[in-house]
Amino acid sequence: MIKKLRIKLIAASMASLFFVLFVIGGIVGILNYRKVVEDADRVLEILEENAGKFPQKFPGNRKDDRPGMSPEIPYESRFFSVLLNENGDIILTDTSKIVSIDTAKAMEYASEVWEKETEKGFLEDYRYWRCSSNGEVRIIFLDCRRQLDNFQNFLLTTFGVSGIGLLSVFILMVYLSARIVKPFSDNYEKQKRFITDAGHELKTPLTIIEADTEVLEMDFGENEWLQDIQGQTKRLADLTNTLVMLSRMEEGQNSFRKIEFPLSDMVEEVCHTFQAPAKIQEKSLTSTIEPMISMKGDEKAIRGLITILLDNAVKYTNINGQISVTLEKKKNRICLSVFNTTEFISKEQIPHLFDRFYRTDASRNSQTGGYGLGLSIAAATVESHKGKILAETRDEKSLRITVNLPA
């Protein structure tokens, strides 16, 4: 349990940090990309207004109508333009302000943009701007290779540093999580030790009480008081043994003897055992069992698991209610499902069904018997066999408990 708690703590911390870094990196990346696009569009807008060229007097100071634009932009920018008629035929190309693009390449790019029919966008590393005037279409391309490279390098640096940060935090969490859970671990160990020690200490007085009761019965004969003492003593001894067993199971101390056994036959046999109690209580028990299913595990523990689930279903099914057991094999998993109708079970109760001493009846009376430990033992048994157990209700008038075990 402590190991799982540490794993969950580390996983939650790493997932939270990853999400935060991913969101921050994503937002900063989007803002940087928008800045690249906005700067390119501002330059292209000037080129559009001047028929694909920069004006002689470039508005590059903060006092004019385009603040923040450097007067060096006309000398730094590399661009070319292509003029087309309304049918898409190329009239003129201008590649005087770029070296890496010749006339043929400029015409190829222009034809590709013409087919897209979009006003602006990116074509490889070039931001294009499509504008119409006097029945002609001019497509201007601005080289954004340097800006896009800077943007990509920024992203790689951001996520690289974030990755190193995640790794560093992971190493720290592995080291610090042991200290974080240590108080809980100590308390849990003390609780477990107390249950085990108390169980052993209680066995002696319980044995003495039981022996003394038998002596009194021999001297005075049977009577209801002695029978009551014997019954309650046995009940307390059973409860003590169950708690000790459950504590050992949860910590994996039970030395399960795992063998291959026919699970289908076992489920069918246990179902047959509960047919009579169900019939006496006017409850219907049906089963759908896929034949020839076998598994490797502790035969006694699995039999106890099936018995607990069926016993729970018979106890809490309403009069004239339905109980159904299903066993089937799905790929590499074995699925055992026990369904029963009931008077009422709220969805808020479902997460607590596998808690120790939990009873769905608020009064916690002993009308149905037991100690509220059955499903806790069932959950511990499933976990020790590396399986999963799940309880669910859809209409709050029925309960389905599903066990998935490795085939």
Protein backbone atom coordinates (compact mmCIF):
# COMPACT_ATOMS: atom_id res chain seq x y z
CA MET A 1 0.00 0.00 0.00
CA ILE A 2 2.79 2.44 0.92
CA LYS A 3 4.59 1.70 -2.34
CA LYS A 4 1.42 2.40 -4.32
CA LEU A 5 0.90 5.63 -2.37
CA ARG A 6 4.41 6.78 -3.30
CA ILE A 7 3.83 5.91 -6.96
CA LYS A 8 0.54 7.84 -6.99
CA LEU A 9 2.17 10.84 -5.30
CA ILE A 10 5.03 10.90 -7.81
CA ALA A 11 2.65 10.36 -10.75
CA ALA A 12 0.30 13.15 -9.61
CA SER A 13 3.18 15.57 -9.06
CA MET A 14 4.80 14.82 -12.41
CA ALA A 15 1.49 15.00 -14.28
CA SER A 16 0.67 18.36 -12.69
CA LEU A 17 4.11 19.79 -13.45
CA PHE A 18 4.03 18.45 -17.02
CA PHE A 19 0.60 20.02 -17.59
CA VAL A 20 1.72 23.40 -16.23
CA LEU A 21 4.95 23.44 -18.27
CA PHE A 22 3.12 22.27 -21.38
CA VAL A 23 0.50 25.01 -21.05
CA ILE A 24 3.11 27.72 -20.36
CA GLY A 25 5.31 26.54 -23.23
CA GLY A 26 2.31 26.30 -25.54
CA ILE A 27 1.06 29.79 -24.69
CA VAL A 28 4.51 31.36 -25.09
CA GLY A 29 4.99 29.47 -28.37
CA ILE A 30 1.64 30.64 -29.73
CA LEU A 31 2.42 34.25 -28.76
CA ASN A 32 5.82 34.04 -30.48
CA TYR A 33 4.29 32.56 -33.61
CA ARG A 34 1.65 35.27 -33.70
CA LYS A 35 4.41 37.88 -33.37
CA VAL A 36 6.22 36.37 -36.38
CA VAL A 37 2.98 36.42 -38.41
CA GLU A 38 2.01 39.95 -37.36
CA ASP A 39 5.45 41.37 -38.16
CA ALA A 40 5.42 39.66 -41.57
CA ASP A 41 1.91 40.92 -42.35
CA ARG A 42 2.85 44.49 -41.45
CA VAL A 43 5.73 44.36 -43.92
CA LEU A 44 3.56 42.74 -46.59
CA GLU A 45 0.91 45.39 -46.06
CA ILE A 46 3.45 48.10 -46.87
CA LEU A 47 4.57 46.15 -49.95
CA GLU A 48 0.94 45.83 -51.09
CA GLU A 49 0.41 49.57 -50.79
CA ASN A 50 3.49 50.23 -52.94
CA ALA A 51 2.94 47.65 -55.70
CA GLY A 52 5.38 45.09 -54.32
CA LYS A 53 8.17 47.52 -53.33
CA PHE A 54 9.22 49.55 -50.32
CA PRO A 55 8.57 53.30 -50.58
CA GLN A 56 11.53 55.65 -50.99
CA LYS A 57 10.76 57.23 -47.64
CA PHE A 58 10.10 54.28 -45.36
CA PRO A 59 7.96 55.04 -42.28
CA GLY A 60 10.32 53.53 -39.77
CA ASN A 61 10.15 55.74 -36.71
CA ARG A 62 7.78 55.70 -33.76
CA LYS A 63 6.16 59.04 -34.65
CA ASP A 64 4.48 57.91 -37.85
CA ASP A 65 1.40 55.76 -38.42
CA ARG A 66 3.35 52.47 -38.11
CA PRO A 67 5.12 52.67 -34.77
CA GLY A 68 7.73 50.14 -33.80
CA MET A 69 8.96 49.32 -37.31
CA SER A 70 12.71 49.58 -37.76
CA PRO A 71 14.00 51.76 -40.61
CA GLU A 72 16.34 48.83 -41.42
CA ILE A 73 13.43 46.63 -42.55
CA PRO A 74 13.74 47.51 -46.29
CA TYR A 75 17.40 46.42 -46.18
CA GLU A 76 16.80 43.27 -44.08
CA SER A 77 13.72 41.93 -45.87
CA ARG A 78 13.97 39.43 -48.70
CA PHE A 79 10.88 39.21 -50.89
CA PHE A 80 9.57 38.68 -54.40
CA SER A 81 6.24 39.22 -56.13
CA VAL A 82 4.28 37.82 -59.06
CA LEU A 83 1.58 39.66 -61.01
CA LEU A 84 -1.26 37.64 -62.56
CA ASN A 85 -4.35 38.50 -64.58
CA GLU A 86 -7.86 37.54 -63.55
CA ASN A 87 -7.48 34.16 -65.31
CA GLY A 88 -4.36 33.27 -63.34
CA ASP A 89 -1.92 33.84 -66.19
CA ILE A 90 1.39 35.27 -65.05
CA ILE A 91 2.10 38.76 -66.38
CA LEU A 92 5.20 39.80 -64.47
CA THR A 93 7.63 38.49 -61.83
CA ASP A 94 9.98 40.52 -59.66
CA THR A 95 12.80 38.61 -57.91
CA SER A 96 15.26 41.48 -57.65
CA LYS A 97 15.14 41.55 -53.85
CA ILE A 98 15.92 37.87 -53.27
CA VAL A 99 18.75 35.60 -54.42
CA SER A 100 17.45 32.15 -53.50
CA ILE A 101 14.42 32.37 -55.82
CA ASP A 102 14.60 32.58 -59.61
CA THR A 103 11.81 33.43 -62.03
CA ALA A 104 10.77 29.83 -62.63
CA LYS A 105 10.52 29.11 -58.90
CA ALA A 106 8.57 32.33 -58.34
CA MET A 107 6.08 31.33 -61.03
CA GLU A 108 5.74 27.86 -59.50
CA TYR A 109 4.99 29.34 -56.05
CA ALA A 110 2.49 31.80 -57.52
CA SER A 111 0.62 29.03 -59.36
CA GLU A 112 0.41 27.00 -56.15
CA VAL A 113 -0.99 29.96 -54.18
CA TRP A 114 -3.44 30.73 -57.00
CA GLU A 115 -4.88 27.22 -56.72
CA LYS A 116 -5.27 27.58 -52.94
CA GLU A 117 -7.43 30.68 -53.34
CA THR A 118 -6.43 31.93 -49.87
CA GLU A 119 -5.63 35.56 -49.14
CA LYS A 120 -2.58 34.91 -46.97
CA GLY A 121 -0.66 32.11 -45.35
CA PHE A 122 2.64 30.24 -45.42
CA LEU A 123 4.18 28.37 -48.32
CA GLU A 124 7.25 26.62 -46.98
CA ASP A 125 9.26 29.42 -45.31
CA TYR A 126 7.55 32.23 -47.21
CA ARG A 127 4.63 34.29 -45.95
CA TYR A 128 2.45 35.23 -48.92
CA TRP A 129 -0.07 38.03 -49.32
CA ARG A 130 -2.59 38.08 -52.14
CA CYS A 131 -4.04 41.43 -53.23
CA SER A 132 -6.21 42.54 -56.15
CA SER A 133 -6.18 45.81 -58.05
CA ASN A 134 -7.67 46.86 -61.41
CA GLY A 135 -8.53 43.30 -62.38
CA GLU A 136 -5.03 42.03 -61.65
CA VAL A 137 -3.77 39.92 -58.76
CA ARG A 138 -0.41 40.48 -57.12
CA ILE A 139 1.01 37.80 -54.85
CA ILE A 140 3.84 38.97 -52.61
CA PHE A 141 6.14 36.51 -50.86
CA LEU A 142 8.20 37.49 -47.83
CA ASP A 143 11.11 35.29 -46.71
CA CYS A 144 10.50 34.40 -43.01
CA ARG A 145 13.11 31.66 -42.77
CA ARG A 146 15.17 33.40 -40.12
CA GLN A 147 12.15 34.27 -37.95
CA LEU A 148 10.73 30.76 -38.26
CA ASP A 149 14.10 29.21 -37.43
CA ASN A 150 14.33 31.40 -34.34
CA PHE A 151 10.79 30.37 -33.40
CA GLN A 152 11.59 26.65 -33.80
CA ASN A 153 14.84 27.01 -31.85
CA PHE A 154 12.91 28.77 -29.09
CA LEU A 155 10.39 25.90 -28.94
CA LEU A 156 13.12 23.27 -28.87
CA THR A 157 14.97 25.16 -26.14
CA THR A 158 11.77 25.64 -24.11
CA PHE A 159 10.72 22.01 -24.24
CA GLY A 160 14.29 20.82 -23.79
CA VAL A 161 14.70 22.86 -20.61
CA SER A 162 11.24 21.74 -19.49
CA GLY A 163 12.25 18.11 -20.06
CA ILE A 164 15.40 18.56 -17.98
CA GLY A 165 13.29 20.26 -15.30
CA LEU A 166 10.81 17.37 -15.32
CA LEU A 167 13.62 14.84 -14.97
CA SER A 168 15.14 16.82 -12.10
CA VAL A 169 11.81 17.07 -10.29
CA PHE A 170 11.21 13.36 -10.86
CA ILE A 171 14.54 12.49 -9.22
CA LEU A 172 13.74 14.84 -6.32
CA MET A 173 10.24 13.38 -5.92
CA VAL A 174 11.59 9.82 -5.86
CA TYR A 175 13.93 10.88 -3.06
CA LEU A 176 11.53 13.15 -1.14
CA SER A 177 8.38 11.04 -1.51
CA ALA A 178 9.82 8.50 0.92
CA ARG A 179 10.09 11.24 3.54
CA ILE A 180 6.66 12.65 2.69
CA VAL A 181 4.86 9.35 3.22
CA LYS A 182 7.03 8.26 6.16
CA PRO A 183 4.62 9.56 8.88
CA PHE A 184 1.72 7.80 7.19
CA SER A 185 3.87 4.69 6.71
CA ASP A 186 4.83 4.66 10.38
CA ASN A 187 1.21 5.07 11.50
CA TYR A 188 0.06 2.35 9.13
CA GLU A 189 2.76 -0.01 10.32
CA LYS A 190 1.78 0.65 13.94
CA GLN A 191 -1.89 0.03 13.09
CA LYS A 192 -1.04 -3.20 11.27
CA ARG A 193 1.21 -4.34 14.11
CA PHE A 194 -1.51 -3.50 16.62
CA ILE A 195 -4.09 -5.57 14.74
CA THR A 196 -1.73 -8.52 14.47
CA ASP A 197 -0.52 -8.30 18.08
CA ALA A 198 -4.02 -7.72 19.44
CA GLY A 199 -5.26 -10.69 17.44
CA HIS A 200 -2.67 -12.96 18.99
CA GLU A 201 -3.21 -11.53 22.47
CA LEU A 202 -7.00 -12.00 22.22
CA LYS A 203 -6.72 -15.64 21.24
CA THR A 204 -5.54 -16.71 24.71
CA PRO A 205 -8.39 -15.14 26.77
CA LEU A 206 -10.93 -16.23 24.15
CA THR A 207 -9.66 -19.80 24.38
CA ILE A 208 -9.86 -19.66 28.18
CA ILE A 209 -13.40 -18.21 28.09
CA GLU A 210 -14.48 -20.94 25.69
CA ALA A 211 -12.92 -23.68 27.89
CA ASP A 212 -14.45 -22.24 31.06
CA THR A 213 -17.84 -22.11 29.36
CA GLU A 214 -17.58 -25.77 28.44
CA VAL A 215 -16.70 -26.61 32.08
CA LEU A 216 -19.70 -24.63 33.35
CA GLU A 217 -21.88 -26.41 30.80
CA MET A 218 -20.66 -29.76 32.15
CA ASP A 219 -21.42 -28.68 35.74
CA PHE A 220 -24.74 -26.91 35.26
CA GLY A 221 -25.98 -28.30 31.95
CA GLU A 222 -26.94 -26.39 28.81
CA ASN A 223 -28.73 -23.05 29.16
CA GLU A 224 -29.32 -20.03 26.96
CA TRP A 225 -26.76 -17.85 28.80
CA LEU A 226 -23.90 -20.27 28.27
CA GLN A 227 -24.92 -20.78 24.64
CA ASP A 228 -24.94 -17.01 24.16
CA ILE A 229 -21.43 -16.73 25.65
CA GLN A 230 -20.19 -19.52 23.40
CA GLY A 231 -21.75 -17.91 20.32
CA GLN A 232 -20.32 -14.47 21.03
CA THR A 233 -16.91 -15.93 21.86
CA LYS A 234 -16.84 -17.76 18.54
CA ARG A 235 -17.99 -14.61 16.77
CA LEU A 236 -15.20 -12.55 18.36
CA ALA A 237 -12.60 -15.24 17.54
CA ASP A 238 -13.75 -15.30 13.90
CA LEU A 239 -13.59 -11.50 13.70
CA THR A 240 -10.07 -11.45 15.17
CA ASN A 241 -8.82 -14.11 12.76
CA THR A 242 -10.43 -12.29 9.82
CA LEU A 243 -8.78 -8.97 10.72
CA VAL A 244 -5.36 -10.59 11.06
CA MET A 245 -5.80 -12.41 7.75
CA LEU A 246 -6.95 -9.23 5.99
CA SER A 247 -4.02 -7.25 7.36
CA ARG A 248 -1.58 -9.86 6.07
CA MET A 249 -3.27 -10.07 2.69
CA GLU A 250 -3.14 -6.32 2.13
CA GLU A 251 0.60 -6.32 2.79
CA GLY A 252 1.19 -9.41 0.64
CA GLN A 253 2.37 -11.50 3.57
CA ASN A 254 0.04 -14.40 2.88
CA SER A 255 2.03 -17.11 1.13
CA PHE A 256 -0.50 -18.04 -1.54
CA ARG A 257 0.06 -21.43 -3.12
CA LYS A 258 -0.71 -20.79 -6.78
CA ILE A 259 -1.69 -23.75 -8.91
CA GLU A 260 -3.65 -24.30 -12.11
CA PHE A 261 -7.28 -25.18 -11.39
CA PRO A 262 -10.62 -25.30 -13.31
CA LEU A 263 -12.32 -22.00 -12.48
CA SER A 264 -15.51 -22.79 -14.43
CA ASP A 265 -16.17 -25.89 -12.33
CA MET A 266 -15.48 -23.97 -9.12
CA VAL A 267 -17.91 -21.14 -9.96
CA GLU A 268 -20.58 -23.64 -10.97
CA GLU A 269 -20.10 -25.55 -7.73
CA VAL A 270 -20.34 -22.44 -5.53
CA CYS A 271 -23.44 -21.27 -7.45
CA HIS A 272 -25.04 -24.65 -6.83
CA THR A 273 -24.28 -24.30 -3.09
CA PHE A 274 -26.20 -20.99 -2.94
CA GLN A 275 -29.21 -22.22 -4.93
CA ALA A 276 -30.99 -23.56 -1.81
CA PRO A 277 -30.53 -20.42 0.38
CA ALA A 278 -31.67 -18.23 -2.51
CA LYS A 279 -34.76 -20.37 -3.12
CA ILE A 280 -35.70 -20.39 0.57
CA GLN A 281 -35.48 -16.57 0.61
CA GLU A 282 -37.60 -16.38 -2.58
CA LYS A 283 -34.76 -15.09 -4.71
CA SER A 284 -33.83 -16.26 -8.19
CA LEU A 285 -30.21 -17.29 -8.85
CA THR A 286 -29.08 -17.91 -12.44
CA SER A 287 -25.62 -18.39 -13.91
CA THR A 288 -23.96 -18.18 -17.31
CA ILE A 289 -20.60 -19.91 -17.11
CA GLU A 290 -18.27 -20.36 -20.04
CA PRO A 291 -16.87 -23.90 -19.80
CA MET A 292 -13.22 -24.97 -19.68
CA ILE A 293 -11.89 -21.76 -18.12
CA SER A 294 -8.91 -22.34 -15.86
CA MET A 295 -6.54 -20.00 -14.06
CA LYS A 296 -3.38 -20.08 -11.99
CA GLY A 297 -3.84 -18.87 -8.43
CA ASP A 298 -4.67 -19.82 -4.88
CA GLU A 299 -7.63 -22.17 -5.20
CA LYS A 300 -8.81 -21.68 -1.61
CA ALA A 301 -8.61 -17.87 -1.83
CA ILE A 302 -10.48 -17.73 -5.16
CA ARG A 303 -13.19 -20.03 -3.79
CA GLY A 304 -13.48 -17.69 -0.82
CA LEU A 305 -13.76 -14.72 -3.22
CA ILE A 306 -16.63 -16.31 -5.18
CA THR A 307 -18.35 -17.33 -1.93
CA ILE A 308 -18.12 -13.79 -0.55
CA LEU A 309 -19.58 -12.24 -3.70
CA LEU A 310 -22.49 -14.70 -3.85
CA ASP A 311 -23.11 -14.49 -0.11
CA ASN A 312 -23.23 -10.69 -0.37
CA ALA A 313 -25.62 -10.88 -3.33
CA VAL A 314 -28.01 -13.33 -1.59
CA LYS A 315 -28.03 -11.29 1.63
CA TYR A 316 -28.86 -7.94 0.04
CA THR A 317 -31.15 -9.00 -2.81
CA ASN A 318 -34.77 -7.99 -2.28
CA ILE A 319 -37.56 -10.57 -2.03
CA ASN A 320 -38.41 -11.98 -5.50
CA GLY A 321 -35.22 -10.30 -6.73
CA GLN A 322 -32.77 -11.56 -9.32
CA ILE A 323 -29.17 -12.75 -8.92
CA SER A 324 -27.06 -13.60 -11.94
CA VAL A 325 -23.48 -14.84 -12.15
CA THR A 326 -21.46 -14.58 -15.37
CA LEU A 327 -18.05 -16.06 -16.08
CA GLU A 328 -16.34 -15.52 -19.42
CA LYS A 329 -12.89 -15.18 -20.93
CA LYS A 330 -11.99 -12.00 -22.84
CA LYS A 331 -8.63 -12.18 -24.61
CA ASN A 332 -6.07 -12.55 -21.81
CA ARG A 333 -8.48 -11.68 -18.98
CA ILE A 334 -11.05 -13.69 -17.03
CA CYS A 335 -14.20 -11.74 -16.20
CA LEU A 336 -16.42 -12.79 -13.28
CA SER A 337 -19.56 -10.70 -12.77
CA VAL A 338 -22.13 -10.99 -9.97
CA PHE A 339 -25.32 -8.98 -10.43
CA ASN A 340 -28.21 -8.62 -7.99
CA THR A 341 -31.25 -6.43 -7.58
CA THR A 342 -31.77 -4.65 -4.26
CA GLU A 343 -34.21 -2.35 -2.51
CA PHE A 344 -31.93 0.65 -2.80
CA ILE A 345 -28.23 1.45 -3.03
CA SER A 346 -27.05 4.99 -3.71
CA LYS A 347 -24.19 5.81 -6.05
CA GLU A 348 -22.47 7.59 -3.15
CA GLN A 349 -22.17 4.24 -1.33
CA ILE A 350 -20.41 2.44 -4.19
CA PRO A 351 -16.86 3.80 -3.57
CA HIS A 352 -17.06 2.64 0.09
CA LEU A 353 -18.23 -0.94 -0.48
CA PHE A 354 -14.69 -2.32 -0.20
CA ASP A 355 -13.89 -0.39 3.00
CA ARG A 356 -13.48 -2.34 6.21
CA PHE A 357 -16.62 -2.64 8.40
CA TYR A 358 -18.70 -0.74 5.84
CA ARG A 359 -22.36 -1.75 5.72
CA THR A 360 -24.87 -0.24 3.30
CA ASP A 361 -27.56 -0.26 5.99
CA ALA A 362 -27.25 2.90 8.08
CA SER A 363 -28.17 1.12 11.31
CA ARG A 364 -25.28 -1.36 10.89
CA ASN A 365 -27.40 -3.99 12.59
CA SER A 366 -26.61 -7.67 12.47
CA GLN A 367 -29.76 -8.69 10.65
CA THR A 368 -27.77 -9.94 7.67
CA GLY A 369 -24.84 -11.21 9.75
CA GLY A 370 -21.17 -10.68 9.01
CA TYR A 371 -18.82 -7.92 10.06
CA GLY A 372 -18.65 -5.74 6.95
CA LEU A 373 -15.28 -7.28 6.04
CA GLY A 374 -16.32 -9.62 3.23
CA LEU A 375 -15.83 -7.25 0.30
CA SER A 376 -12.59 -5.95 1.84
CA ILE A 377 -11.27 -9.52 1.81
CA ALA A 378 -12.56 -9.95 -1.76
CA ALA A 379 -10.70 -6.80 -2.88
CA ALA A 380 -7.50 -7.93 -1.14
CA THR A 381 -7.77 -11.37 -2.77
CA VAL A 382 -8.22 -9.86 -6.24
CA GLU A 383 -5.31 -7.48 -5.71
CA SER A 384 -3.03 -10.31 -4.55
CA HIS A 385 -3.81 -12.09 -7.85
CA LYS A 386 -2.96 -8.89 -9.82
CA GLY A 387 -6.58 -8.36 -10.85
CA LYS A 388 -9.13 -5.58 -10.57
CA ILE A 389 -12.51 -5.44 -8.84
CA LEU A 390 -15.21 -2.90 -9.61
CA ALA A 391 -18.66 -2.18 -8.18
CA GLU A 392 -21.29 -0.16 -10.04
CA THR A 393 -24.98 0.67 -10.04
CA ARG A 394 -26.88 2.28 -12.89
CA ASP A 395 -30.37 2.67 -11.48
CA GLU A 396 -29.66 2.54 -7.69
CA LYS A 397 -31.90 -0.55 -7.63
CA SER A 398 -29.21 -3.06 -8.54
CA LEU A 399 -25.54 -3.79 -7.94
CA ARG A 400 -22.96 -5.36 -10.21
CA ILE A 401 -19.54 -6.42 -8.94
CA THR A 402 -17.06 -7.29 -11.68
CA VAL A 403 -13.76 -9.07 -11.12
CA ASN A 404 -11.08 -9.14 -13.82
CA LEU A 405 -8.30 -11.66 -13.31
CA PRO A 406 -5.33 -12.55 -15.53
CA ALA A 407 -5.95 -15.70 -17.51
